[in-house]
N, C-alpha and C. Protein backbone atom coordinates (compact mmCIF):
# COMPACT_ATOMS: atom_id res chain seq x y z
N UNK A 1 82.66 40.58 102.42
CA UNK A 1 81.56 41.28 102.32
C UNK A 1 81.09 42.02 103.59
N UNK A 2 82.14 42.36 104.22
CA UNK A 2 81.78 43.18 105.63
C UNK A 2 81.52 44.50 105.20
N UNK A 3 81.01 45.38 106.20
CA UNK A 3 80.62 46.87 106.04
C UNK A 3 81.84 47.57 106.06
N UNK A 4 82.80 47.15 106.88
CA UNK A 4 84.12 47.81 107.24
C UNK A 4 84.98 46.93 107.83
N UNK A 5 85.99 47.44 108.43
CA UNK A 5 87.17 46.41 108.90
C UNK A 5 86.64 45.43 110.07
N UNK A 6 85.42 45.57 110.52
CA UNK A 6 84.99 44.68 111.41
C UNK A 6 84.46 43.58 110.92
N UNK A 7 83.89 42.39 111.57
CA UNK A 7 83.40 41.26 110.90
C UNK A 7 81.76 41.16 110.77
N UNK A 8 81.55 42.39 110.72
CA UNK A 8 80.01 42.59 110.56
C UNK A 8 79.69 42.51 109.05
N UNK A 9 78.78 41.68 108.63
CA UNK A 9 78.30 41.33 107.66
C UNK A 9 77.41 42.38 106.82
N UNK A 10 77.55 42.77 105.53
CA UNK A 10 76.42 43.51 104.96
C UNK A 10 75.43 42.71 104.36
N UNK A 11 74.38 42.23 105.04
CA UNK A 11 73.44 41.31 104.87
C UNK A 11 72.76 41.46 103.56
N UNK A 12 72.59 42.79 103.36
CA UNK A 12 71.83 43.08 101.91
C UNK A 12 72.60 42.80 100.71
N UNK A 13 73.97 42.80 100.71
CA UNK A 13 74.83 42.53 99.67
C UNK A 13 74.81 40.88 99.62
N UNK A 14 74.80 40.10 100.68
CA UNK A 14 74.81 38.73 100.63
C UNK A 14 73.42 38.27 100.12
N UNK A 15 72.33 38.95 100.36
CA UNK A 15 71.03 38.67 99.75
C UNK A 15 71.16 38.83 98.10
N UNK A 16 71.65 39.95 97.99
CA UNK A 16 71.86 40.44 96.67
C UNK A 16 72.71 39.45 95.66
N UNK A 17 73.88 39.03 96.40
CA UNK A 17 74.47 37.95 95.60
C UNK A 17 73.64 36.81 95.69
N UNK A 18 72.91 36.35 96.44
CA UNK A 18 72.14 34.82 96.38
C UNK A 18 71.11 35.19 95.31
N UNK A 19 70.53 36.37 95.17
CA UNK A 19 69.61 36.72 94.11
C UNK A 19 70.17 36.48 92.66
N UNK A 20 71.38 36.97 92.73
CA UNK A 20 72.19 36.90 91.23
C UNK A 20 72.40 35.72 91.07
N UNK A 21 72.94 34.67 91.93
CA UNK A 21 73.14 33.25 91.67
C UNK A 21 71.78 32.54 91.24
N UNK A 22 70.41 33.05 91.90
CA UNK A 22 69.26 32.43 91.49
C UNK A 22 68.96 32.70 89.84
N UNK A 23 69.19 33.98 89.91
CA UNK A 23 68.84 34.72 88.32
C UNK A 23 69.88 33.98 87.12
N UNK A 24 71.09 33.67 87.62
CA UNK A 24 71.95 32.79 86.70
C UNK A 24 71.49 31.52 86.60
N UNK A 25 71.10 30.75 87.67
CA UNK A 25 70.55 29.72 87.37
C UNK A 25 69.42 29.48 86.43
N UNK A 26 68.40 30.55 86.39
CA UNK A 26 67.25 30.49 85.48
C UNK A 26 67.77 30.81 84.24
N UNK A 27 68.91 31.44 83.83
CA UNK A 27 69.67 31.68 82.58
C UNK A 27 70.32 30.35 82.09
N UNK A 28 70.88 29.74 83.08
CA UNK A 28 71.26 28.61 82.52
C UNK A 28 70.30 27.36 82.24
N UNK A 29 69.15 27.63 82.98
CA UNK A 29 67.97 26.78 82.54
C UNK A 29 67.73 26.85 81.08
N UNK A 30 67.50 27.98 80.79
CA UNK A 30 67.09 28.40 79.41
C UNK A 30 68.25 27.78 78.53
N UNK A 31 69.35 27.87 78.78
CA UNK A 31 70.42 27.40 77.88
C UNK A 31 70.36 25.94 77.78
N UNK A 32 69.94 25.31 78.87
CA UNK A 32 69.93 24.03 78.82
C UNK A 32 68.78 23.40 77.98
N UNK A 33 67.60 24.25 78.21
CA UNK A 33 66.61 24.09 77.49
C UNK A 33 66.64 24.19 75.80
N UNK A 34 67.23 25.14 75.54
CA UNK A 34 67.50 25.33 74.07
C UNK A 34 68.49 24.34 73.60
N UNK A 35 69.50 23.75 74.19
CA UNK A 35 70.35 22.71 73.90
C UNK A 35 69.78 21.40 73.65
N UNK A 36 68.82 21.14 74.40
CA UNK A 36 68.21 19.90 74.43
C UNK A 36 67.05 19.92 73.47
N UNK A 37 66.61 21.00 73.21
CA UNK A 37 65.12 21.16 72.27
C UNK A 37 65.55 21.91 70.97
N UNK A 38 66.59 21.99 70.38
CA UNK A 38 67.15 22.83 69.46
C UNK A 38 66.43 22.41 68.04
N UNK A 39 65.89 21.07 67.86
CA UNK A 39 65.45 20.67 66.80
C UNK A 39 66.46 20.12 65.68
N UNK A 40 67.59 19.93 65.95
CA UNK A 40 68.69 19.50 65.15
C UNK A 40 68.44 18.11 64.86
N UNK A 41 68.27 17.75 63.69
CA UNK A 41 68.03 16.56 62.94
C UNK A 41 69.19 16.07 62.26
N UNK A 42 69.39 14.78 61.86
CA UNK A 42 70.47 14.09 60.96
C UNK A 42 70.25 14.54 59.77
N UNK A 43 68.88 14.63 59.21
CA UNK A 43 68.40 15.35 57.79
C UNK A 43 69.17 16.68 57.42
N UNK A 44 69.14 17.52 58.58
CA UNK A 44 69.81 18.68 58.34
C UNK A 44 71.18 18.84 57.88
N UNK A 45 71.91 17.66 58.21
CA UNK A 45 73.40 17.46 57.77
C UNK A 45 73.38 16.68 56.48
N UNK A 46 72.41 16.74 55.41
CA UNK A 46 72.37 15.98 54.27
C UNK A 46 72.42 14.37 54.43
N UNK A 47 71.97 13.58 53.22
CA UNK A 47 71.76 12.40 53.25
C UNK A 47 73.01 11.45 52.94
N UNK A 48 74.03 12.11 53.10
CA UNK A 48 75.37 11.43 53.14
C UNK A 48 75.76 10.73 54.20
N UNK A 49 76.75 9.70 54.02
CA UNK A 49 77.24 9.32 55.50
C UNK A 49 78.25 10.15 56.18
N UNK A 50 78.72 11.29 55.47
CA UNK A 50 79.65 12.25 56.13
C UNK A 50 78.64 13.39 57.04
N UNK A 51 77.57 13.31 56.50
CA UNK A 51 76.40 14.24 57.05
C UNK A 51 75.88 13.77 58.27
N UNK A 52 75.78 12.07 58.21
CA UNK A 52 75.14 11.59 59.37
C UNK A 52 76.43 11.44 60.40
N UNK A 53 77.55 11.29 60.13
CA UNK A 53 78.77 11.53 61.07
C UNK A 53 78.86 12.90 61.79
N UNK A 54 78.71 13.83 60.82
CA UNK A 54 78.60 15.32 61.49
C UNK A 54 77.64 15.59 62.51
N UNK A 55 76.59 14.95 61.96
CA UNK A 55 75.27 15.25 62.94
C UNK A 55 75.48 14.34 64.32
N UNK A 56 76.25 13.31 64.01
CA UNK A 56 76.41 12.54 65.34
C UNK A 56 77.43 13.22 66.18
N UNK A 57 78.34 13.78 65.70
CA UNK A 57 79.50 14.36 66.52
C UNK A 57 78.75 15.88 66.99
N UNK A 58 78.25 16.53 66.20
CA UNK A 58 77.46 17.64 66.90
C UNK A 58 76.51 17.47 67.76
N UNK A 59 75.65 16.37 67.63
CA UNK A 59 74.68 16.20 68.62
C UNK A 59 75.23 15.89 69.80
N UNK A 60 76.33 15.07 69.73
CA UNK A 60 77.01 14.38 71.22
C UNK A 60 77.44 15.70 71.90
N UNK A 61 78.27 16.71 71.40
CA UNK A 61 78.66 17.88 71.98
C UNK A 61 77.43 18.51 72.55
N UNK A 62 76.43 18.76 71.79
CA UNK A 62 75.37 19.61 72.25
C UNK A 62 74.78 18.75 73.40
N UNK A 63 74.57 17.42 73.47
CA UNK A 63 74.14 16.75 74.62
C UNK A 63 75.08 16.77 75.77
N UNK A 64 76.18 16.88 75.72
CA UNK A 64 77.28 17.11 76.66
C UNK A 64 77.12 18.56 77.16
N UNK A 65 77.11 19.31 76.44
CA UNK A 65 76.77 20.73 76.63
C UNK A 65 75.68 20.97 77.70
N UNK A 66 74.46 20.33 77.29
CA UNK A 66 73.11 20.23 78.06
C UNK A 66 73.34 19.71 79.46
N UNK A 67 74.36 18.40 79.55
CA UNK A 67 74.51 17.94 81.04
C UNK A 67 75.22 18.63 81.84
N UNK A 68 76.36 19.27 81.05
CA UNK A 68 77.17 20.32 81.97
C UNK A 68 76.58 21.67 82.62
N UNK A 69 75.45 22.05 81.47
CA UNK A 69 74.96 23.33 82.02
C UNK A 69 73.87 23.14 83.03
N UNK A 70 73.15 21.86 82.98
CA UNK A 70 72.39 21.26 83.99
C UNK A 70 73.07 21.24 85.14
N UNK A 71 74.26 20.69 85.33
CA UNK A 71 74.92 20.67 86.60
C UNK A 71 75.52 21.95 87.03
N UNK A 72 75.69 22.79 86.21
CA UNK A 72 75.91 24.21 86.62
C UNK A 72 74.55 24.88 87.18
N UNK A 73 73.60 24.73 86.57
CA UNK A 73 72.29 25.15 86.92
C UNK A 73 71.98 24.75 88.50
N UNK A 74 71.93 23.38 88.70
CA UNK A 74 71.78 22.87 89.77
C UNK A 74 72.64 23.61 91.06
N UNK A 75 73.85 23.67 90.58
CA UNK A 75 74.97 24.06 91.44
C UNK A 75 74.44 25.66 92.04
N UNK A 76 74.00 26.67 90.91
CA UNK A 76 73.66 27.85 91.13
C UNK A 76 72.37 27.97 92.09
N UNK A 77 71.50 27.01 91.89
CA UNK A 77 70.22 26.71 92.73
C UNK A 77 70.74 26.54 94.25
N UNK A 78 71.67 25.53 94.22
CA UNK A 78 71.69 25.22 95.81
C UNK A 78 72.70 26.30 96.45
N UNK A 79 73.57 26.93 95.57
CA UNK A 79 74.22 28.10 96.19
C UNK A 79 73.43 29.25 96.53
N UNK A 80 72.56 29.59 95.78
CA UNK A 80 71.81 30.92 95.98
C UNK A 80 70.98 30.55 97.22
N UNK A 81 70.41 29.23 97.64
CA UNK A 81 69.56 29.00 98.62
C UNK A 81 70.74 29.04 99.78
N UNK A 82 71.80 28.65 99.76
CA UNK A 82 72.71 28.66 100.96
C UNK A 82 73.23 29.96 101.11
N UNK A 83 73.42 30.66 100.35
CA UNK A 83 73.76 32.25 100.38
C UNK A 83 72.67 32.99 101.11
N UNK A 84 71.73 32.69 100.49
CA UNK A 84 70.28 33.62 101.16
C UNK A 84 70.13 33.03 102.43
N UNK A 85 70.04 31.85 102.93
CA UNK A 85 69.72 31.44 104.01
C UNK A 85 70.96 31.81 105.23
N UNK A 86 72.28 31.86 104.56
CA UNK A 86 73.35 32.46 105.49
C UNK A 86 73.19 33.78 105.88
N UNK A 87 72.65 34.56 104.68
CA UNK A 87 72.40 36.21 105.03
C UNK A 87 71.34 36.08 106.27
N UNK A 88 70.39 35.53 106.09
CA UNK A 88 69.24 35.35 107.17
C UNK A 88 69.82 35.02 108.35
N UNK A 89 70.58 33.85 108.63
CA UNK A 89 70.74 33.30 109.84
C UNK A 89 71.99 34.13 110.37
N UNK A 90 72.89 34.65 109.82
CA UNK A 90 73.87 35.38 110.37
C UNK A 90 73.39 36.68 110.73
N UNK A 91 72.41 37.24 110.08
CA UNK A 91 71.89 38.67 110.51
C UNK A 91 71.23 38.32 112.24
N UNK A 92 70.61 37.51 112.22
CA UNK A 92 70.11 37.19 113.84
C UNK A 92 71.42 37.01 114.71
N UNK A 93 72.33 36.21 114.18
CA UNK A 93 73.59 36.04 114.96
C UNK A 93 74.24 37.53 115.14
N UNK A 94 74.41 38.34 114.23
CA UNK A 94 74.97 39.66 114.46
C UNK A 94 74.34 40.65 115.54
N UNK A 95 72.91 40.39 115.77
CA UNK A 95 72.37 41.32 116.56
C UNK A 95 72.49 40.50 118.06
N UNK A 96 72.42 39.30 118.00
CA UNK A 96 72.91 38.46 119.49
C UNK A 96 74.10 38.87 120.05
N UNK A 97 75.09 38.77 118.91
CA UNK A 97 76.58 39.13 119.33
C UNK A 97 76.66 40.27 119.74
N UNK A 98 76.00 41.34 119.05
CA UNK A 98 76.18 42.72 119.60
C UNK A 98 75.59 43.04 120.66
N UNK A 99 74.42 42.61 121.19
CA UNK A 99 73.94 42.47 122.32
C UNK A 99 74.68 41.92 123.41
N UNK A 100 75.38 40.59 123.13
CA UNK A 100 76.31 40.00 124.36
C UNK A 100 77.42 40.86 124.40
N UNK A 101 78.08 41.45 123.32
CA UNK A 101 79.12 42.31 123.57
C UNK A 101 79.19 43.44 124.43
N UNK A 102 77.87 44.05 124.08
CA UNK A 102 77.57 45.29 124.83
C UNK A 102 77.35 45.06 126.26
N UNK A 103 76.94 43.98 126.68
CA UNK A 103 76.59 43.35 128.08
C UNK A 103 77.73 42.95 128.69
N UNK A 104 78.86 42.52 127.99
CA UNK A 104 80.12 41.85 128.43
C UNK A 104 80.64 42.40 129.76
N UNK A 105 80.65 43.74 129.76
CA UNK A 105 81.34 44.41 130.89
C UNK A 105 80.57 44.43 132.23
N UNK A 106 79.16 44.22 132.02
CA UNK A 106 78.30 44.16 133.11
C UNK A 106 78.54 43.37 134.30
N UNK A 107 78.42 43.91 135.35
CA UNK A 107 78.77 43.10 136.69
C UNK A 107 77.29 42.33 137.17
N UNK A 108 77.29 41.17 137.17
CA UNK A 108 76.09 40.64 137.73
C UNK A 108 75.75 40.75 139.11
């Protein structure tokens, strides 16, 4: 995410990536909410033993999906914070480094 061949970071692009991760985490949270609150019940599969078994199988997979999406959502929340914090922290470092490099040839 450098501006050019130098090591200078394009902080706006990094902040934008952080915001994209935060947006993705919100979307994943909605997927998790839908998966856990879908209202699926055993009676929707009929009153037969096969229907009950089908409900158990489908419900198990839906719960696994909800758990996995929850982990992905938390990862995105954490990553968004780290990327955004990194953009802010390195912006200050870039300024300090540029000042230090500009002054490196000066005699004291």
